[in-house]
Amino acid sequence: MDLDVFVATHQGEWNRLDALARKRRLSGEEADELVTLYQRATGHLAKVQAAAPDPTLVSRLTALVSRGRAAVTGTRSSGWRDVARYYTVSFPAALYRSRRWWLPIAVVSLVATAVIAWWVANHPEVRNSLASPEMLRQMTRPGGEYEAYYSDRPASSFAAQVWTNNAMVAVKCLLFGIALGIPVIFVMWSNVLNLGAGIGLMASAGRLDVFLGLLIPHGLLELTAVFVAGGLGMRLGWTVIDPGPRTRTTALAEQGRSIIGMAIGMATVLAVSGILEAFVTPSGLPTWARISIGVVAETAFLLYALVLGKKAAADGETGDLDAADRPDLQPVAA
């Protein structure tokens, strides 16, 4: 095979393929020509590799074929548009579609918290089993541990610490779902116990209003994020038990991809909660103003999840990867 003759014979086709592959818009005739030239170029590359593998020519044709393939099949690049679509479509849709898991968990957790708080506040023997009377006084007195927790460190470092701690709780809930969701129950119960005990202790000291004034500004959004993470973990655990009309591998893959996407969104929600906890909760704003900020943040999240999410879900969004990014699956019998 004479490479010089081969190059001279097909040089025009290669140049034309390169020109078409670089054009942004093609007419119908040009698109057909592009496909034809791309197919010819792949044949030329295979012929050169088999008969006369000249490194320079092979490299040139490989680059040309790659460029032609990208033009024929289309390319997809991630960017700010994908980020915007995630936060306006994918994430709220996933929140809405999983609402049957995290809303009941929220209700059960809040009821259990209220029961524990009442129990601690009205039974001295329960309080004494938690700590000594002197330690309890140190915790609940004005300027004590419950109040100092929000103001004894620089706000920026405290926000980072709060976000890290809450993110770890959320990650545990998400990851523990693979173990049938059973560990998630213990994580949620631990959270309920700590919150209920704190409310009960401050109520017993006659300072419940102070505690709620410190908790509500950030706690509504923070607790909701934890409830969502717990619901997702339980949903993943149930997928292991009952994958539905899919293979278990397929169901877990779909649910796992959705959870990974949800983790990004939940990290953002927890970051907002951490900022509120670090800068609003210990601020000098009146209690009503701090509580109002917390209520507004929680209301905005619920509208985001249940209204915007409902619209996205109605349009067919699932929170999974785009169809172009998901692997093709062979249909299976139900």
Protein backbone atom coordinates (compact mmCIF):
# COMPACT_ATOMS: atom_id res chain seq x y z
CA MET A 1 0.00 0.00 0.00
CA ASP A 2 1.50 3.33 -1.11
CA LEU A 3 0.67 5.80 1.65
CA ASP A 4 1.44 8.86 -0.47
CA VAL A 5 -1.01 7.76 -3.17
CA PHE A 6 -3.58 6.80 -0.49
CA VAL A 7 -3.34 10.19 1.21
CA ALA A 8 -3.48 12.08 -2.08
CA THR A 9 -6.56 10.10 -3.15
CA HIS A 10 -8.57 10.70 0.03
CA GLN A 11 -7.18 14.04 1.21
CA GLY A 12 -10.14 15.95 -0.16
CA GLU A 13 -12.66 13.70 1.63
CA TRP A 14 -10.82 14.10 4.92
CA ASN A 15 -10.68 17.87 4.60
CA ARG A 16 -14.38 17.97 3.80
CA LEU A 17 -15.20 15.76 6.80
CA ASP A 18 -13.13 17.99 9.05
CA ALA A 19 -14.91 21.09 7.76
CA LEU A 20 -18.38 19.60 8.23
CA ALA A 21 -17.53 18.28 11.71
CA ARG A 22 -16.56 21.78 12.82
CA LYS A 23 -19.72 23.49 11.55
CA ARG A 24 -22.31 24.44 14.14
CA ARG A 25 -25.31 24.04 11.85
CA LEU A 26 -25.72 21.64 8.93
CA SER A 27 -28.32 21.42 6.23
CA GLY A 28 -30.00 18.09 5.52
CA GLU A 29 -27.67 17.39 2.59
CA GLU A 30 -24.61 18.30 4.62
CA ALA A 31 -25.71 16.04 7.47
CA ASP A 32 -26.06 13.12 5.06
CA GLU A 33 -22.67 13.92 3.58
CA LEU A 34 -21.15 14.07 7.06
CA VAL A 35 -22.40 10.58 7.92
CA THR A 36 -21.11 9.18 4.62
CA LEU A 37 -17.68 10.75 4.97
CA TYR A 38 -17.43 9.63 8.61
CA GLN A 39 -18.15 6.03 7.61
CA ARG A 40 -15.53 6.22 4.87
CA ALA A 41 -12.97 7.70 7.25
CA THR A 42 -13.45 4.88 9.75
CA GLY A 43 -12.81 2.42 6.92
CA HIS A 44 -9.71 4.33 5.90
CA LEU A 45 -8.42 4.26 9.47
CA ALA A 46 -8.98 0.52 9.75
CA LYS A 47 -7.23 -0.04 6.39
CA VAL A 48 -4.19 2.03 7.38
CA GLN A 49 -3.91 0.29 10.77
CA ALA A 50 -3.99 -3.11 9.10
CA ALA A 51 -1.83 -2.52 6.01
CA ALA A 52 0.56 0.33 6.76
CA PRO A 53 0.30 1.58 10.37
CA ASP A 54 2.13 4.87 9.97
CA PRO A 55 1.95 6.56 13.41
CA THR A 56 1.48 10.06 12.02
CA LEU A 57 -1.32 9.09 9.65
CA VAL A 58 -3.00 6.85 12.23
CA SER A 59 -2.97 9.68 14.76
CA ARG A 60 -4.39 12.11 12.22
CA LEU A 61 -7.18 9.78 11.13
CA THR A 62 -7.99 8.83 14.72
CA ALA A 63 -8.48 12.49 15.62
CA LEU A 64 -10.55 13.04 12.50
CA VAL A 65 -12.77 10.01 13.16
CA SER A 66 -13.26 11.12 16.79
CA ARG A 67 -14.29 14.59 15.66
CA GLY A 68 -16.61 13.11 13.07
CA ARG A 69 -18.18 10.75 15.61
CA ALA A 70 -18.83 13.64 17.97
CA ALA A 71 -20.50 15.58 15.17
CA VAL A 72 -22.62 12.60 14.07
CA THR A 73 -23.72 11.40 17.49
CA GLY A 74 -23.75 14.77 19.21
CA THR A 75 -21.87 15.79 22.32
CA ARG A 76 -23.15 16.70 25.72
CA SER A 77 -21.20 18.93 28.08
CA SER A 78 -22.08 19.73 31.64
CA GLY A 79 -22.23 23.35 32.67
CA TRP A 80 -24.17 25.94 34.57
CA ARG A 81 -27.31 25.00 32.65
CA ASP A 82 -27.10 21.51 34.17
CA VAL A 83 -26.62 23.01 37.63
CA ALA A 84 -29.65 25.24 37.17
CA ARG A 85 -31.72 22.34 35.87
CA TYR A 86 -30.73 20.21 38.85
CA TYR A 87 -31.90 22.77 41.40
CA THR A 88 -35.04 23.79 39.53
CA VAL A 89 -36.19 20.42 38.17
CA SER A 90 -34.34 17.27 39.26
CA PHE A 91 -33.90 17.94 42.98
CA PRO A 92 -37.42 19.25 43.70
CA ALA A 93 -38.92 16.39 41.67
CA ALA A 94 -36.97 13.85 43.71
CA LEU A 95 -38.11 15.53 46.93
CA TYR A 96 -41.73 15.41 45.82
CA ARG A 97 -41.58 11.79 44.63
CA SER A 98 -40.12 10.69 47.98
CA ARG A 99 -42.58 12.70 50.07
CA ARG A 100 -44.51 9.56 51.11
CA TRP A 101 -41.41 8.52 53.02
CA TRP A 102 -40.05 11.68 54.61
CA LEU A 103 -43.34 13.39 55.53
CA PRO A 104 -44.54 10.45 57.72
CA ILE A 105 -41.08 10.23 59.27
CA ALA A 106 -41.29 13.94 60.07
CA VAL A 107 -44.70 13.57 61.72
CA VAL A 108 -43.71 10.50 63.76
CA SER A 109 -40.43 12.11 64.84
CA LEU A 110 -42.08 15.35 65.95
CA VAL A 111 -44.78 13.51 67.89
CA ALA A 112 -42.15 11.32 69.58
CA THR A 113 -40.10 14.42 70.40
CA ALA A 114 -43.10 16.07 72.01
CA VAL A 115 -43.84 12.97 74.10
CA ILE A 116 -40.23 12.69 75.29
CA ALA A 117 -40.10 16.42 76.08
CA TRP A 118 -43.29 16.18 78.14
CA TRP A 119 -41.97 13.10 79.94
CA VAL A 120 -38.65 14.76 80.83
CA ALA A 121 -40.26 18.06 81.85
CA ASN A 122 -42.82 16.47 84.18
CA HIS A 123 -40.80 13.67 85.80
CA PRO A 124 -37.90 14.77 88.03
CA GLU A 125 -36.64 11.20 88.33
CA VAL A 126 -36.15 11.09 84.56
CA ARG A 127 -34.17 14.33 84.60
CA ASN A 128 -32.02 13.09 87.48
CA SER A 129 -31.23 9.94 85.52
CA LEU A 130 -29.82 12.08 82.72
CA ALA A 131 -27.43 14.14 84.82
CA SER A 132 -26.86 15.42 88.34
CA PRO A 133 -29.04 18.35 89.55
CA GLU A 134 -26.03 20.66 89.51
CA MET A 135 -25.12 19.71 85.97
CA LEU A 136 -28.71 20.24 84.88
CA ARG A 137 -28.69 23.73 86.40
CA GLN A 138 -25.47 24.54 84.53
CA MET A 139 -27.04 23.41 81.28
CA THR A 140 -30.34 25.28 81.62
CA ARG A 141 -29.42 28.48 83.48
CA PRO A 142 -29.20 31.83 81.63
CA GLY A 143 -25.96 31.78 79.69
CA GLY A 144 -25.62 28.04 80.32
CA GLU A 145 -24.50 25.34 77.94
CA TYR A 146 -27.63 25.36 75.80
CA GLU A 147 -27.32 29.08 75.11
CA ALA A 148 -23.53 29.26 74.99
CA TYR A 149 -23.47 26.52 72.37
CA TYR A 150 -24.61 29.02 69.75
CA SER A 151 -22.27 31.88 70.60
CA ASP A 152 -19.01 30.61 72.12
CA ARG A 153 -17.23 30.22 68.74
CA PRO A 154 -16.68 32.45 65.70
CA ALA A 155 -19.75 32.31 63.45
CA SER A 156 -17.89 31.19 60.32
CA SER A 157 -16.15 28.24 61.98
CA PHE A 158 -19.32 27.33 63.85
CA ALA A 159 -21.28 27.28 60.57
CA ALA A 160 -18.71 24.91 59.06
CA GLN A 161 -18.85 22.64 62.11
CA VAL A 162 -22.66 22.59 62.14
CA TRP A 163 -22.79 21.80 58.43
CA THR A 164 -20.26 18.98 58.84
CA ASN A 165 -22.12 17.43 61.78
CA ASN A 166 -25.52 17.61 60.11
CA ALA A 167 -24.14 16.36 56.80
CA MET A 168 -22.69 13.33 58.59
CA VAL A 169 -26.11 12.53 60.06
CA ALA A 170 -27.69 12.83 56.62
CA VAL A 171 -24.99 10.70 54.99
CA LYS A 172 -25.46 7.99 57.61
CA CYS A 173 -29.18 7.90 56.88
CA LEU A 174 -28.55 7.63 53.15
CA LEU A 175 -25.86 4.97 53.38
CA PHE A 176 -27.57 2.87 56.05
CA GLY A 177 -30.54 2.43 53.76
CA ILE A 178 -28.77 -0.42 51.99
CA ALA A 179 -28.99 -2.43 55.24
CA LEU A 180 -32.78 -2.66 54.81
CA GLY A 181 -33.09 0.77 56.41
CA ILE A 182 -32.86 -0.66 59.93
CA PRO A 183 -29.87 1.47 61.09
CA VAL A 184 -31.70 4.56 59.85
CA ILE A 185 -34.32 3.99 62.56
CA PHE A 186 -31.64 4.14 65.25
CA VAL A 187 -30.12 7.32 63.79
CA MET A 188 -33.51 9.01 63.73
CA TRP A 189 -34.35 7.78 67.24
CA SER A 190 -31.09 9.18 68.58
CA ASN A 191 -31.91 12.54 67.04
CA VAL A 192 -35.41 12.48 68.55
CA LEU A 193 -34.06 11.59 72.01
CA ASN A 194 -31.53 14.43 72.02
CA LEU A 195 -34.05 17.00 70.85
CA GLY A 196 -36.80 15.83 73.18
CA ALA A 197 -34.48 15.80 76.18
CA GLY A 198 -33.24 19.32 75.45
CA ILE A 199 -36.77 20.72 75.14
CA GLY A 200 -37.89 18.90 78.28
CA LEU A 201 -34.96 20.11 80.37
CA MET A 202 -35.40 23.73 79.34
CA ALA A 203 -39.17 23.48 79.92
CA SER A 204 -38.58 22.13 83.43
CA ALA A 205 -36.40 25.18 84.14
CA GLY A 206 -39.13 27.53 82.89
CA ARG A 207 -37.05 28.60 79.91
CA LEU A 208 -38.81 26.81 77.05
CA ASP A 209 -39.43 30.11 75.24
CA VAL A 210 -35.70 30.84 75.22
CA PHE A 211 -34.87 27.40 73.91
CA LEU A 212 -37.46 27.53 71.13
CA GLY A 213 -36.23 31.01 70.22
CA LEU A 214 -32.78 29.49 69.72
CA LEU A 215 -33.99 26.31 68.01
CA ILE A 216 -36.64 27.44 65.55
CA PRO A 217 -34.59 29.89 63.43
CA HIS A 218 -32.42 27.09 62.07
CA GLY A 219 -34.00 23.94 63.49
CA LEU A 220 -37.05 23.77 61.25
CA LEU A 221 -34.99 23.56 58.08
CA GLU A 222 -32.30 21.43 59.69
CA LEU A 223 -34.76 18.86 61.02
CA THR A 224 -36.60 18.73 57.71
CA ALA A 225 -33.33 17.95 55.93
CA VAL A 226 -32.65 15.14 58.39
CA PHE A 227 -36.19 13.80 57.91
CA VAL A 228 -35.71 13.81 54.15
CA ALA A 229 -32.42 11.94 54.49
CA GLY A 230 -34.07 9.42 56.79
CA GLY A 231 -36.95 8.96 54.37
CA LEU A 232 -34.55 8.37 51.48
CA GLY A 233 -32.62 5.83 53.52
CA MET A 234 -35.80 3.96 54.40
CA ARG A 235 -36.92 4.09 50.77
CA LEU A 236 -33.62 2.57 49.66
CA GLY A 237 -34.00 -0.15 52.29
CA TRP A 238 -37.48 -0.96 51.04
CA THR A 239 -36.17 -1.14 47.47
CA VAL A 240 -33.88 -3.95 48.61
CA ILE A 241 -36.93 -5.81 49.94
CA ASP A 242 -39.36 -4.97 47.15
CA PRO A 243 -37.79 -3.76 43.87
CA GLY A 244 -41.15 -3.74 42.11
CA PRO A 245 -41.45 -4.68 38.42
CA ARG A 246 -37.68 -4.39 37.92
CA THR A 247 -34.71 -6.54 38.70
CA ARG A 248 -33.29 -5.78 42.12
CA THR A 249 -30.02 -4.64 40.54
CA THR A 250 -31.81 -2.21 38.24
CA ALA A 251 -34.02 -0.87 41.03
CA LEU A 252 -31.07 -0.32 43.36
CA ALA A 253 -29.08 1.36 40.58
CA GLU A 254 -31.92 3.78 39.85
CA GLN A 255 -32.56 4.51 43.52
CA GLY A 256 -28.85 4.81 44.25
CA ARG A 257 -28.33 7.35 41.46
CA SER A 258 -31.30 9.35 42.71
CA ILE A 259 -29.92 9.33 46.27
CA ILE A 260 -26.49 10.49 45.11
CA GLY A 261 -28.19 13.39 43.37
CA MET A 262 -30.31 14.09 46.44
CA ALA A 263 -27.20 14.14 48.63
CA ILE A 264 -25.92 17.16 46.73
CA GLY A 265 -29.17 19.01 47.22
CA MET A 266 -29.41 18.07 50.89
CA ALA A 267 -25.86 19.33 51.44
CA THR A 268 -27.01 22.67 50.08
CA VAL A 269 -30.07 22.74 52.35
CA LEU A 270 -27.92 21.88 55.37
CA ALA A 271 -25.46 24.60 54.40
CA VAL A 272 -28.30 27.14 54.51
CA SER A 273 -29.37 25.74 57.88
CA GLY A 274 -25.80 26.01 59.17
CA ILE A 275 -25.61 29.64 58.10
CA LEU A 276 -28.85 30.39 59.92
CA GLU A 277 -27.62 28.59 63.02
CA ALA A 278 -24.32 30.46 63.04
CA PHE A 279 -25.44 33.96 62.09
CA VAL A 280 -29.17 34.29 62.88
CA THR A 281 -29.74 32.13 65.97
CA PRO A 282 -27.14 33.87 68.19
CA SER A 283 -27.74 37.33 66.69
CA GLY A 284 -29.13 40.30 68.57
CA LEU A 285 -32.34 40.27 66.55
CA PRO A 286 -35.59 40.10 68.51
CA THR A 287 -36.88 36.59 69.09
CA TRP A 288 -39.87 37.15 66.82
CA ALA A 289 -37.57 38.24 63.99
CA ARG A 290 -35.31 35.21 64.36
CA ILE A 291 -38.27 32.84 64.49
CA SER A 292 -39.81 34.56 61.46
CA ILE A 293 -36.64 33.98 59.45
CA GLY A 294 -36.72 30.29 60.37
CA VAL A 295 -40.39 29.97 59.45
CA VAL A 296 -39.81 31.71 56.11
CA ALA A 297 -36.89 29.39 55.30
CA GLU A 298 -38.96 26.31 56.16
CA THR A 299 -41.97 27.53 54.19
CA ALA A 300 -39.77 28.24 51.18
CA PHE A 301 -38.34 24.72 51.31
CA LEU A 302 -41.77 23.08 51.57
CA LEU A 303 -43.09 25.12 48.65
CA TYR A 304 -39.95 24.21 46.71
CA ALA A 305 -40.38 20.49 47.41
CA LEU A 306 -44.15 20.12 47.23
CA VAL A 307 -45.19 22.75 44.65
CA LEU A 308 -42.23 23.10 42.30
CA GLY A 309 -41.46 19.41 42.83
CA LYS A 310 -45.02 18.40 41.96
CA LYS A 311 -44.84 20.32 38.68
CA ALA A 312 -41.49 18.74 37.77
CA ALA A 313 -42.74 15.25 38.66
CA ALA A 314 -45.88 15.80 36.58
CA ASP A 315 -43.62 16.55 33.62
CA GLY A 316 -42.04 13.11 34.03
CA GLU A 317 -38.93 14.07 35.98
CA THR A 318 -37.76 11.35 38.38
CA GLY A 319 -34.59 12.79 39.89
CA ASP A 320 -32.52 10.13 38.10
CA LEU A 321 -29.94 10.90 35.44
CA ASP A 322 -31.13 12.15 32.08
CA ALA A 323 -32.17 9.40 29.70
CA ALA A 324 -29.11 10.09 27.54
CA ASP A 325 -26.81 9.42 30.50
CA ARG A 326 -28.51 6.26 31.74
CA PRO A 327 -27.51 2.82 30.48
CA ASP A 328 -29.90 1.05 28.14
CA LEU A 329 -31.77 -1.71 29.86
CA GLN A 330 -33.17 -4.85 28.35
CA PRO A 331 -36.88 -5.30 29.16
CA VAL A 332 -37.64 -8.13 31.56
CA ALA A 333 -40.85 -10.03 32.19
CA ALA A 334 -42.84 -8.91 35.20
